[in-house]
């Protein structure tokens, strides 16, 4: 992964905060369906969250880390498998 510019870091933090806001309103509890509808959203987002958290150039930025923490906070009923990587 290339070294991000200041603009890249700011944009990533902003995008992560938007993702965090969306995740807060997803339904994780059983809805009668075999699989909660939020799971595919997390499955799509997780590789990006994991890559940002793993890359020193991104995780060394306070705004990016704060936004990652916001996106990966512990909402009620969020499957623990998604939280384990960020705890």
PDB file of N, CA and C in Angstrom:
ATOM      1  N   UNK A   1       0.852  -1.169   0.000  1.00  0.00           N
ATOM      2  CA  UNK A   1       0.000   0.000   0.000  1.00  0.00           C
ATOM      3  C   UNK A   1       0.905   1.242   0.000  1.00  0.00           C
ATOM      4  N   UNK A   2       0.636   2.161  -0.881  1.00  0.00           N
ATOM      5  CA  UNK A   2       1.441   3.380  -0.999  1.00  0.00           C
ATOM      6  C   UNK A   2       1.208   4.297   0.201  1.00  0.00           C
ATOM      7  N   UNK A   3       2.164   5.163   0.455  1.00  0.00           N
ATOM      8  CA  UNK A   3       2.040   6.127   1.546  1.00  0.00           C
ATOM      9  C   UNK A   3       0.957   7.142   1.190  1.00  0.00           C
ATOM     10  N   UNK A   4      -0.025   7.295   2.058  1.00  0.00           N
ATOM     11  CA  UNK A   4      -1.124   8.216   1.764  1.00  0.00           C
ATOM     12  C   UNK A   4      -0.717   9.672   1.990  1.00  0.00           C
ATOM     13  N   UNK A   5      -1.298  10.539   1.190  1.00  0.00           N
ATOM     14  CA  UNK A   5      -1.086  11.979   1.379  1.00  0.00           C
ATOM     15  C   UNK A   5      -1.997  12.466   2.503  1.00  0.00           C
ATOM     16  N   UNK A   6      -1.786  13.690   2.937  1.00  0.00           N
ATOM     17  CA  UNK A   6      -2.644  14.276   3.969  1.00  0.00           C
ATOM     18  C   UNK A   6      -4.093  14.303   3.500  1.00  0.00           C
ATOM     19  N   UNK A   7      -4.295  14.603   2.227  1.00  0.00           N
ATOM     20  CA  UNK A   7      -5.650  14.603   1.663  1.00  0.00           C
ATOM     21  C   UNK A   7      -6.278  13.221   1.683  1.00  0.00           C
ATOM     22  N   UNK A   8      -5.462  12.192   1.367  1.00  0.00           N
ATOM     23  CA  UNK A   8      -5.952  10.813   1.409  1.00  0.00           C
ATOM     24  C   UNK A   8      -6.369  10.428   2.820  1.00  0.00           C
ATOM     25  N   UNK A   9      -5.546  10.813   3.799  1.00  0.00           N
ATOM     26  CA  UNK A   9      -5.844  10.490   5.191  1.00  0.00           C
ATOM     27  C   UNK A   9      -7.142  11.149   5.648  1.00  0.00           C
ATOM     28  N   UNK A  10      -7.300  12.416   5.301  1.00  0.00           N
ATOM     29  CA  UNK A  10      -8.523  13.131   5.667  1.00  0.00           C
ATOM     30  C   UNK A  10      -9.749  12.552   4.988  1.00  0.00           C
ATOM     31  N   UNK A  11      -9.599  12.208   3.714  1.00  0.00           N
ATOM     32  CA  UNK A  11     -10.725  11.613   2.977  1.00  0.00           C
ATOM     33  C   UNK A  11     -11.102  10.259   3.562  1.00  0.00           C
ATOM     34  N   UNK A  12     -10.094   9.452   3.895  1.00  0.00           N
ATOM     35  CA  UNK A  12     -10.365   8.135   4.466  1.00  0.00           C
ATOM     36  C   UNK A  12     -11.081   8.271   5.811  1.00  0.00           C
ATOM     37  N   UNK A  13     -10.635   9.193   6.643  1.00  0.00           N
ATOM     38  CA  UNK A  13     -11.282   9.406   7.939  1.00  0.00           C
ATOM     39  C   UNK A  13     -12.736   9.828   7.743  1.00  0.00           C
ATOM     40  N   UNK A  14     -12.979  10.713   6.790  1.00  0.00           N
ATOM     41  CA  UNK A  14     -14.351  11.141   6.509  1.00  0.00           C
ATOM     42  C   UNK A  14     -15.228  10.003   6.021  1.00  0.00           C
ATOM     43  N   UNK A  15     -14.697   9.194   5.124  1.00  0.00           N
ATOM     44  CA  UNK A  15     -15.450   8.044   4.595  1.00  0.00           C
ATOM     45  C   UNK A  15     -15.731   7.033   5.705  1.00  0.00           C
ATOM     46  N   UNK A  16     -14.755   6.817   6.581  1.00  0.00           N
ATOM     47  CA  UNK A  16     -14.951   5.889   7.689  1.00  0.00           C
ATOM     48  C   UNK A  16     -16.023   6.386   8.654  1.00  0.00           C
ATOM     49  N   UNK A  17     -16.062   7.697   8.882  1.00  0.00           N
ATOM     50  CA  UNK A  17     -17.114   8.252   9.744  1.00  0.00           C
ATOM     51  C   UNK A  17     -18.490   8.079   9.106  1.00  0.00           C
ATOM     52  N   UNK A  18     -18.572   8.204   7.788  1.00  0.00           N
ATOM     53  CA  UNK A  18     -19.842   7.954   7.098  1.00  0.00           C
ATOM     54  C   UNK A  18     -20.252   6.492   7.237  1.00  0.00           C
ATOM     55  N   UNK A  19     -19.295   5.585   7.085  1.00  0.00           N
ATOM     56  CA  UNK A  19     -19.568   4.168   7.259  1.00  0.00           C
ATOM     57  C   UNK A  19     -20.047   3.895   8.681  1.00  0.00           C
ATOM     58  N   UNK A  20     -19.389   4.505   9.656  1.00  0.00           N
ATOM     59  CA  UNK A  20     -19.776   4.322  11.057  1.00  0.00           C
ATOM     60  C   UNK A  20     -21.219   4.773  11.278  1.00  0.00           C
ATOM     61  N   UNK A  21     -21.584   5.908  10.692  1.00  0.00           N
ATOM     62  CA  UNK A  21     -22.951   6.405  10.832  1.00  0.00           C
ATOM     63  C   UNK A  21     -23.944   5.425  10.218  1.00  0.00           C
ATOM     64  N   UNK A  22     -23.614   4.868   9.081  1.00  0.00           N
ATOM     65  CA  UNK A  22     -24.508   3.891   8.438  1.00  0.00           C
ATOM     66  C   UNK A  22     -24.606   2.616   9.267  1.00  0.00           C
ATOM     67  N   UNK A  23     -23.497   2.145   9.807  1.00  0.00           N
ATOM     68  CA  UNK A  23     -23.496   0.909  10.584  1.00  0.00           C
ATOM     69  C   UNK A  23     -24.340   1.023  11.844  1.00  0.00           C
ATOM     70  N   UNK A  24     -24.411   2.215  12.407  1.00  0.00           N
ATOM     71  CA  UNK A  24     -25.206   2.409  13.627  1.00  0.00           C
ATOM     72  C   UNK A  24     -26.678   2.083  13.416  1.00  0.00           C
ATOM     73  N   UNK A  25     -27.139   2.208  12.184  1.00  0.00           N
ATOM     74  CA  UNK A  25     -28.565   2.027  11.922  1.00  0.00           C
ATOM     75  C   UNK A  25     -28.901   0.707  11.238  1.00  0.00           C
ATOM     76  N   UNK A  26     -27.923  -0.185  11.094  1.00  0.00           N
ATOM     77  CA  UNK A  26     -28.189  -1.478  10.498  1.00  0.00           C
ATOM     78  C   UNK A  26     -28.818  -2.424  11.511  1.00  0.00           C
ATOM     79  N   UNK A  27     -29.626  -3.323  11.031  1.00  0.00           N
ATOM     80  CA  UNK A  27     -30.316  -4.297  11.868  1.00  0.00           C
ATOM     81  C   UNK A  27     -29.465  -5.551  12.020  1.00  0.00           C
ATOM     82  N   UNK A  28     -29.003  -5.822  13.238  1.00  0.00           N
ATOM     83  CA  UNK A  28     -28.194  -7.006  13.491  1.00  0.00           C
ATOM     84  C   UNK A  28     -28.985  -8.111  14.172  1.00  0.00           C
ATOM     85  N   UNK A  29     -30.066  -7.771  14.821  1.00  0.00           N
ATOM     86  CA  UNK A  29     -30.862  -8.779  15.512  1.00  0.00           C
ATOM     87  C   UNK A  29     -31.618  -9.607  14.489  1.00  0.00           C
ATOM     88  N   UNK A  30     -32.020 -10.761  14.905  1.00  0.00           N
ATOM     89  CA  UNK A  30     -32.773 -11.639  14.015  1.00  0.00           C
ATOM     90  C   UNK A  30     -34.049 -10.978  13.532  1.00  0.00           C
ATOM     91  N   UNK A  31     -34.302 -11.086  12.263  1.00  0.00           N
ATOM     92  CA  UNK A  31     -35.510 -10.497  11.687  1.00  0.00           C
ATOM     93  C   UNK A  31     -36.390 -11.570  11.083  1.00  0.00           C
ATOM     94  N   UNK A  32     -36.147 -12.807  11.464  1.00  0.00           N
ATOM     95  CA  UNK A  32     -36.894 -13.903  10.885  1.00  0.00           C
ATOM     96  C   UNK A  32     -36.181 -14.494   9.683  1.00  0.00           C
ATOM     97  N   UNK A  33     -35.278 -13.730   9.103  1.00  0.00           N
ATOM     98  CA  UNK A  33     -34.494 -14.231   7.981  1.00  0.00           C
ATOM     99  C   UNK A  33     -33.383 -15.122   8.532  1.00  0.00           C
ATOM    100  N   UNK A  34     -32.853 -15.986   7.692  1.00  0.00           N
ATOM    101  CA  UNK A  34     -31.780 -16.876   8.116  1.00  0.00           C
ATOM    102  C   UNK A  34     -30.518 -16.081   8.460  1.00  0.00           C
ATOM    103  N   UNK A  35     -30.347 -14.952   7.820  1.00  0.00           N
ATOM    104  CA  UNK A  35     -29.136 -14.154   7.994  1.00  0.00           C
ATOM    105  C   UNK A  35     -29.522 -12.686   8.127  1.00  0.00           C
ATOM    106  N   UNK A  36     -29.078 -12.026   9.198  1.00  0.00           N
ATOM    107  CA  UNK A  36     -29.420 -10.608   9.344  1.00  0.00           C
ATOM    108  C   UNK A  36     -28.962  -9.801   8.120  1.00  0.00           C
ATOM    109  N   UNK A  37     -29.738  -8.830   7.686  1.00  0.00           N
ATOM    110  CA  UNK A  37     -29.401  -8.066   6.483  1.00  0.00           C
ATOM    111  C   UNK A  37     -28.127  -7.236   6.600  1.00  0.00           C
ATOM    112  N   UNK A  38     -27.670  -6.952   7.803  1.00  0.00           N
ATOM    113  CA  UNK A  38     -26.453  -6.155   7.973  1.00  0.00           C
ATOM    114  C   UNK A  38     -25.189  -6.948   7.692  1.00  0.00           C
ATOM    115  N   UNK A  39     -25.254  -8.263   7.770  1.00  0.00           N
ATOM    116  CA  UNK A  39     -24.054  -9.087   7.613  1.00  0.00           C
ATOM    117  C   UNK A  39     -23.383  -8.880   6.256  1.00  0.00           C
ATOM    118  N   UNK A  40     -24.100  -8.865   5.125  1.00  0.00           N
ATOM    119  CA  UNK A  40     -23.420  -8.622   3.848  1.00  0.00           C
ATOM    120  C   UNK A  40     -22.727  -7.259   3.769  1.00  0.00           C
ATOM    121  N   UNK A  41     -23.296  -6.267   4.421  1.00  0.00           N
ATOM    122  CA  UNK A  41     -22.671  -4.938   4.437  1.00  0.00           C
ATOM    123  C   UNK A  41     -21.338  -5.010   5.168  1.00  0.00           C
ATOM    124  N   UNK A  42     -21.323  -5.665   6.321  1.00  0.00           N
ATOM    125  CA  UNK A  42     -20.087  -5.803   7.076  1.00  0.00           C
ATOM    126  C   UNK A  42     -19.065  -6.657   6.336  1.00  0.00           C
ATOM    127  N   UNK A  43     -19.530  -7.696   5.675  1.00  0.00           N
ATOM    128  CA  UNK A  43     -18.617  -8.541   4.913  1.00  0.00           C
ATOM    129  C   UNK A  43     -17.943  -7.755   3.792  1.00  0.00           C
ATOM    130  N   UNK A  44     -18.674  -6.837   3.188  1.00  0.00           N
ATOM    131  CA  UNK A  44     -18.099  -6.020   2.118  1.00  0.00           C
ATOM    132  C   UNK A  44     -17.136  -4.973   2.677  1.00  0.00           C
ATOM    133  N   UNK A  45     -17.455  -4.418   3.830  1.00  0.00           N
ATOM    134  CA  UNK A  45     -16.629  -3.357   4.412  1.00  0.00           C
ATOM    135  C   UNK A  45     -15.420  -3.895   5.160  1.00  0.00           C
ATOM    136  N   UNK A  46     -15.514  -5.079   5.704  1.00  0.00           N
ATOM    137  CA  UNK A  46     -14.484  -5.597   6.589  1.00  0.00           C
ATOM    138  C   UNK A  46     -13.086  -5.653   5.967  1.00  0.00           C
ATOM    139  N   UNK A  47     -12.911  -6.116   4.721  1.00  0.00           N
ATOM    140  CA  UNK A  47     -11.555  -6.152   4.163  1.00  0.00           C
ATOM    141  C   UNK A  47     -10.884  -4.775   4.109  1.00  0.00           C
ATOM    142  N   UNK A  48     -11.653  -3.755   3.843  1.00  0.00           N
ATOM    143  CA  UNK A  48     -11.099  -2.397   3.799  1.00  0.00           C
ATOM    144  C   UNK A  48     -10.738  -1.935   5.207  1.00  0.00           C
ATOM    145  N   UNK A  49     -11.626  -2.174   6.164  1.00  0.00           N
ATOM    146  CA  UNK A  49     -11.345  -1.794   7.550  1.00  0.00           C
ATOM    147  C   UNK A  49     -10.103  -2.517   8.057  1.00  0.00           C
ATOM    148  N   UNK A  50     -10.013  -3.798   7.747  1.00  0.00           N
ATOM    149  CA  UNK A  50      -8.866  -4.589   8.176  1.00  0.00           C
ATOM    150  C   UNK A  50      -7.571  -4.089   7.533  1.00  0.00           C
ATOM    151  N   UNK A  51      -7.610  -3.755   6.242  1.00  0.00           N
ATOM    152  CA  UNK A  51      -6.415  -3.265   5.546  1.00  0.00           C
ATOM    153  C   UNK A  51      -5.946  -1.933   6.121  1.00  0.00           C
ATOM    154  N   UNK A  52      -6.882  -1.036   6.401  1.00  0.00           N
ATOM    155  CA  UNK A  52      -6.514   0.253   6.986  1.00  0.00           C
ATOM    156  C   UNK A  52      -5.932   0.076   8.387  1.00  0.00           C
ATOM    157  N   UNK A  53      -6.520  -0.809   9.164  1.00  0.00           N
ATOM    158  CA  UNK A  53      -6.032  -1.045  10.523  1.00  0.00           C
ATOM    159  C   UNK A  53      -4.665  -1.716  10.524  1.00  0.00           C
ATOM    160  N   UNK A  54      -4.366  -2.470   9.488  1.00  0.00           N
ATOM    161  CA  UNK A  54      -3.103  -3.210   9.433  1.00  0.00           C
ATOM    162  C   UNK A  54      -1.948  -2.404   8.843  1.00  0.00           C
ATOM    163  N   UNK A  55      -2.247  -1.375   8.070  1.00  0.00           N
ATOM    164  CA  UNK A  55      -1.209  -0.612   7.372  1.00  0.00           C
ATOM    165  C   UNK A  55      -0.661   0.508   8.261  1.00  0.00           C
ATOM    166  N   UNK A  56       0.628   0.473   8.596  1.00  0.00           N
ATOM    167  CA  UNK A  56       1.206   1.484   9.487  1.00  0.00           C
ATOM    168  C   UNK A  56       0.985   2.927   9.022  1.00  0.00           C
ATOM    169  N   UNK A  57       1.047   3.167   7.729  1.00  0.00           N
ATOM    170  CA  UNK A  57       0.892   4.538   7.227  1.00  0.00           C
ATOM    171  C   UNK A  57      -0.509   5.083   7.500  1.00  0.00           C
ATOM    172  N   UNK A  58      -1.505   4.216   7.535  1.00  0.00           N
ATOM    173  CA  UNK A  58      -2.878   4.648   7.791  1.00  0.00           C
ATOM    174  C   UNK A  58      -3.179   4.652   9.284  1.00  0.00           C
ATOM    175  N   UNK A  59      -2.746   3.616   9.993  1.00  0.00           N
ATOM    176  CA  UNK A  59      -3.098   3.527  11.410  1.00  0.00           C
ATOM    177  C   UNK A  59      -2.295   4.486  12.280  1.00  0.00           C
ATOM    178  N   UNK A  60      -1.259   5.102  11.718  1.00  0.00           N
ATOM    179  CA  UNK A  60      -0.496   6.079  12.494  1.00  0.00           C
ATOM    180  C   UNK A  60      -1.164   7.451  12.503  1.00  0.00           C
ATOM    181  N   UNK A  61      -2.223   7.602  11.745  1.00  0.00           N
ATOM    182  CA  UNK A  61      -2.944   8.874  11.691  1.00  0.00           C
ATOM    183  C   UNK A  61      -4.086   8.863  12.707  1.00  0.00           C
ATOM    184  N   UNK A  62      -4.090   9.819  13.615  1.00  0.00           N
ATOM    185  CA  UNK A  62      -5.076   9.856  14.693  1.00  0.00           C
ATOM    186  C   UNK A  62      -6.513   9.935  14.177  1.00  0.00           C
ATOM    187  N   UNK A  63      -6.747  10.712  13.116  1.00  0.00           N
ATOM    188  CA  UNK A  63      -8.110  10.851  12.587  1.00  0.00           C
ATOM    189  C   UNK A  63      -8.605   9.540  11.988  1.00  0.00           C
ATOM    190  N   UNK A  64      -7.719   8.819  11.297  1.00  0.00           N
ATOM    191  CA  UNK A  64      -8.103   7.534  10.709  1.00  0.00           C
ATOM    192  C   UNK A  64      -8.392   6.527  11.814  1.00  0.00           C
ATOM    193  N   UNK A  65      -7.539   6.463  12.828  1.00  0.00           N
ATOM    194  CA  UNK A  65      -7.762   5.523  13.927  1.00  0.00           C
ATOM    195  C   UNK A  65      -9.055   5.853  14.665  1.00  0.00           C
ATOM    196  N   UNK A  66      -9.307   7.119  14.925  1.00  0.00           N
ATOM    197  CA  UNK A  66     -10.548   7.505  15.608  1.00  0.00           C
ATOM    198  C   UNK A  66     -11.758   7.084  14.786  1.00  0.00           C
ATOM    199  N   UNK A  67     -11.685   7.286  13.471  1.00  0.00           N
ATOM    200  CA  UNK A  67     -12.802   6.906  12.597  1.00  0.00           C
ATOM    201  C   UNK A  67     -12.951   5.386  12.529  1.00  0.00           C
ATOM    202  N   UNK A  68     -11.832   4.650  12.514  1.00  0.00           N
ATOM    203  CA  UNK A  68     -11.904   3.185  12.545  1.00  0.00           C
ATOM    204  C   UNK A  68     -12.565   2.712  13.837  1.00  0.00           C
ATOM    205  N   UNK A  69     -12.184   3.313  14.937  1.00  0.00           N
ATOM    206  CA  UNK A  69     -12.790   2.944  16.221  1.00  0.00           C
ATOM    207  C   UNK A  69     -14.278   3.255  16.232  1.00  0.00           C
ATOM    208  N   UNK A  70     -14.638   4.365  15.640  1.00  0.00           N
ATOM    209  CA  UNK A  70     -16.053   4.728  15.561  1.00  0.00           C
ATOM    210  C   UNK A  70     -16.810   3.715  14.706  1.00  0.00           C
ATOM    211  N   UNK A  71     -16.213   3.302  13.591  1.00  0.00           N
ATOM    212  CA  UNK A  71     -16.862   2.337  12.698  1.00  0.00           C
ATOM    213  C   UNK A  71     -16.944   0.963  13.327  1.00  0.00           C
ATOM    214  N   UNK A  72     -16.015   0.650  14.208  1.00  0.00           N
ATOM    215  CA  UNK A  72     -15.947  -0.694  14.795  1.00  0.00           C
ATOM    216  C   UNK A  72     -16.334  -0.707  16.257  1.00  0.00           C
ATOM    217  N   UNK A  73     -17.103   0.295  16.689  1.00  0.00           N
ATOM    218  CA  UNK A  73     -17.544   0.295  18.084  1.00  0.00           C
ATOM    219  C   UNK A  73     -18.423  -0.925  18.318  1.00  0.00           C
ATOM    220  N   UNK A  74     -18.851  -1.119  19.505  1.00  0.00           N
ATOM    221  CA  UNK A  74     -19.543  -2.344  19.890  1.00  0.00           C
ATOM    222  C   UNK A  74     -21.057  -2.154  19.919  1.00  0.00           C
ATOM    223  N   UNK A  75     -21.698  -2.049  18.752  1.00  0.00           N
ATOM    224  CA  UNK A  75     -23.150  -1.860  18.755  1.00  0.00           C
ATOM    225  C   UNK A  75     -23.851  -3.115  19.259  1.00  0.00           C
ATOM    226  N   UNK A  76     -25.007  -2.937  19.835  1.00  0.00           N
ATOM    227  CA  UNK A  76     -25.783  -4.053  20.344  1.00  0.00           C
ATOM    228  C   UNK A  76     -26.064  -5.034  19.211  1.00  0.00           C
ATOM    229  N   UNK A  77     -25.811  -6.300  19.480  1.00  0.00           N
ATOM    230  CA  UNK A  77     -26.097  -7.394  18.555  1.00  0.00           C
ATOM    231  C   UNK A  77     -25.163  -7.502  17.360  1.00  0.00           C
ATOM    232  N   UNK A  78     -24.104  -6.678  17.266  1.00  0.00           N
ATOM    233  CA  UNK A  78     -23.178  -6.834  16.142  1.00  0.00           C
ATOM    234  C   UNK A  78     -22.441  -8.160  16.322  1.00  0.00           C
ATOM    235  N   UNK A  79     -22.354  -8.963  15.276  1.00  0.00           N
ATOM    236  CA  UNK A  79     -21.669 -10.251  15.409  1.00  0.00           C
ATOM    237  C   UNK A  79     -20.229 -10.073  15.889  1.00  0.00           C
ATOM    238  N   UNK A  80     -19.867 -10.830  16.892  1.00  0.00           N
ATOM    239  CA  UNK A  80     -18.552 -10.700  17.523  1.00  0.00           C
ATOM    240  C   UNK A  80     -17.411 -10.986  16.565  1.00  0.00           C
ATOM    241  N   UNK A  81     -17.646 -11.772  15.533  1.00  0.00           N
ATOM    242  CA  UNK A  81     -16.587 -12.099  14.578  1.00  0.00           C
ATOM    243  C   UNK A  81     -16.015 -10.833  13.923  1.00  0.00           C
ATOM    244  N   UNK A  82     -16.854  -9.839  13.731  1.00  0.00           N
ATOM    245  CA  UNK A  82     -16.395  -8.598  13.095  1.00  0.00           C
ATOM    246  C   UNK A  82     -15.664  -7.703  14.078  1.00  0.00           C
ATOM    247  N   UNK A  83     -15.962  -7.848  15.354  1.00  0.00           N
ATOM    248  CA  UNK A  83     -15.326  -7.002  16.369  1.00  0.00           C
ATOM    249  C   UNK A  83     -13.984  -7.536  16.829  1.00  0.00           C
ATOM    250  N   UNK A  84     -13.779  -8.846  16.737  1.00  0.00           N
ATOM    251  CA  UNK A  84     -12.580  -9.471  17.277  1.00  0.00           C
ATOM    252  C   UNK A  84     -11.297  -8.900  16.682  1.00  0.00           C
ATOM    253  N   UNK A  85     -11.300  -8.528  15.423  1.00  0.00           N
ATOM    254  CA  UNK A  85     -10.094  -8.016  14.762  1.00  0.00           C
ATOM    255  C   UNK A  85      -9.686  -6.643  15.283  1.00  0.00           C
ATOM    256  N   UNK A  86     -10.621  -5.894  15.858  1.00  0.00           N
ATOM    257  CA  UNK A  86     -10.358  -4.510  16.237  1.00  0.00           C
ATOM    258  C   UNK A  86     -10.296  -4.292  17.731  1.00  0.00           C
ATOM    259  N   UNK A  87     -10.392  -5.326  18.516  1.00  0.00           N
ATOM    260  CA  UNK A  87     -10.348  -5.185  19.974  1.00  0.00           C
ATOM    261  C   UNK A  87      -8.941  -5.384  20.470  1.00  0.00           C
TER     262      UNK A  87
END
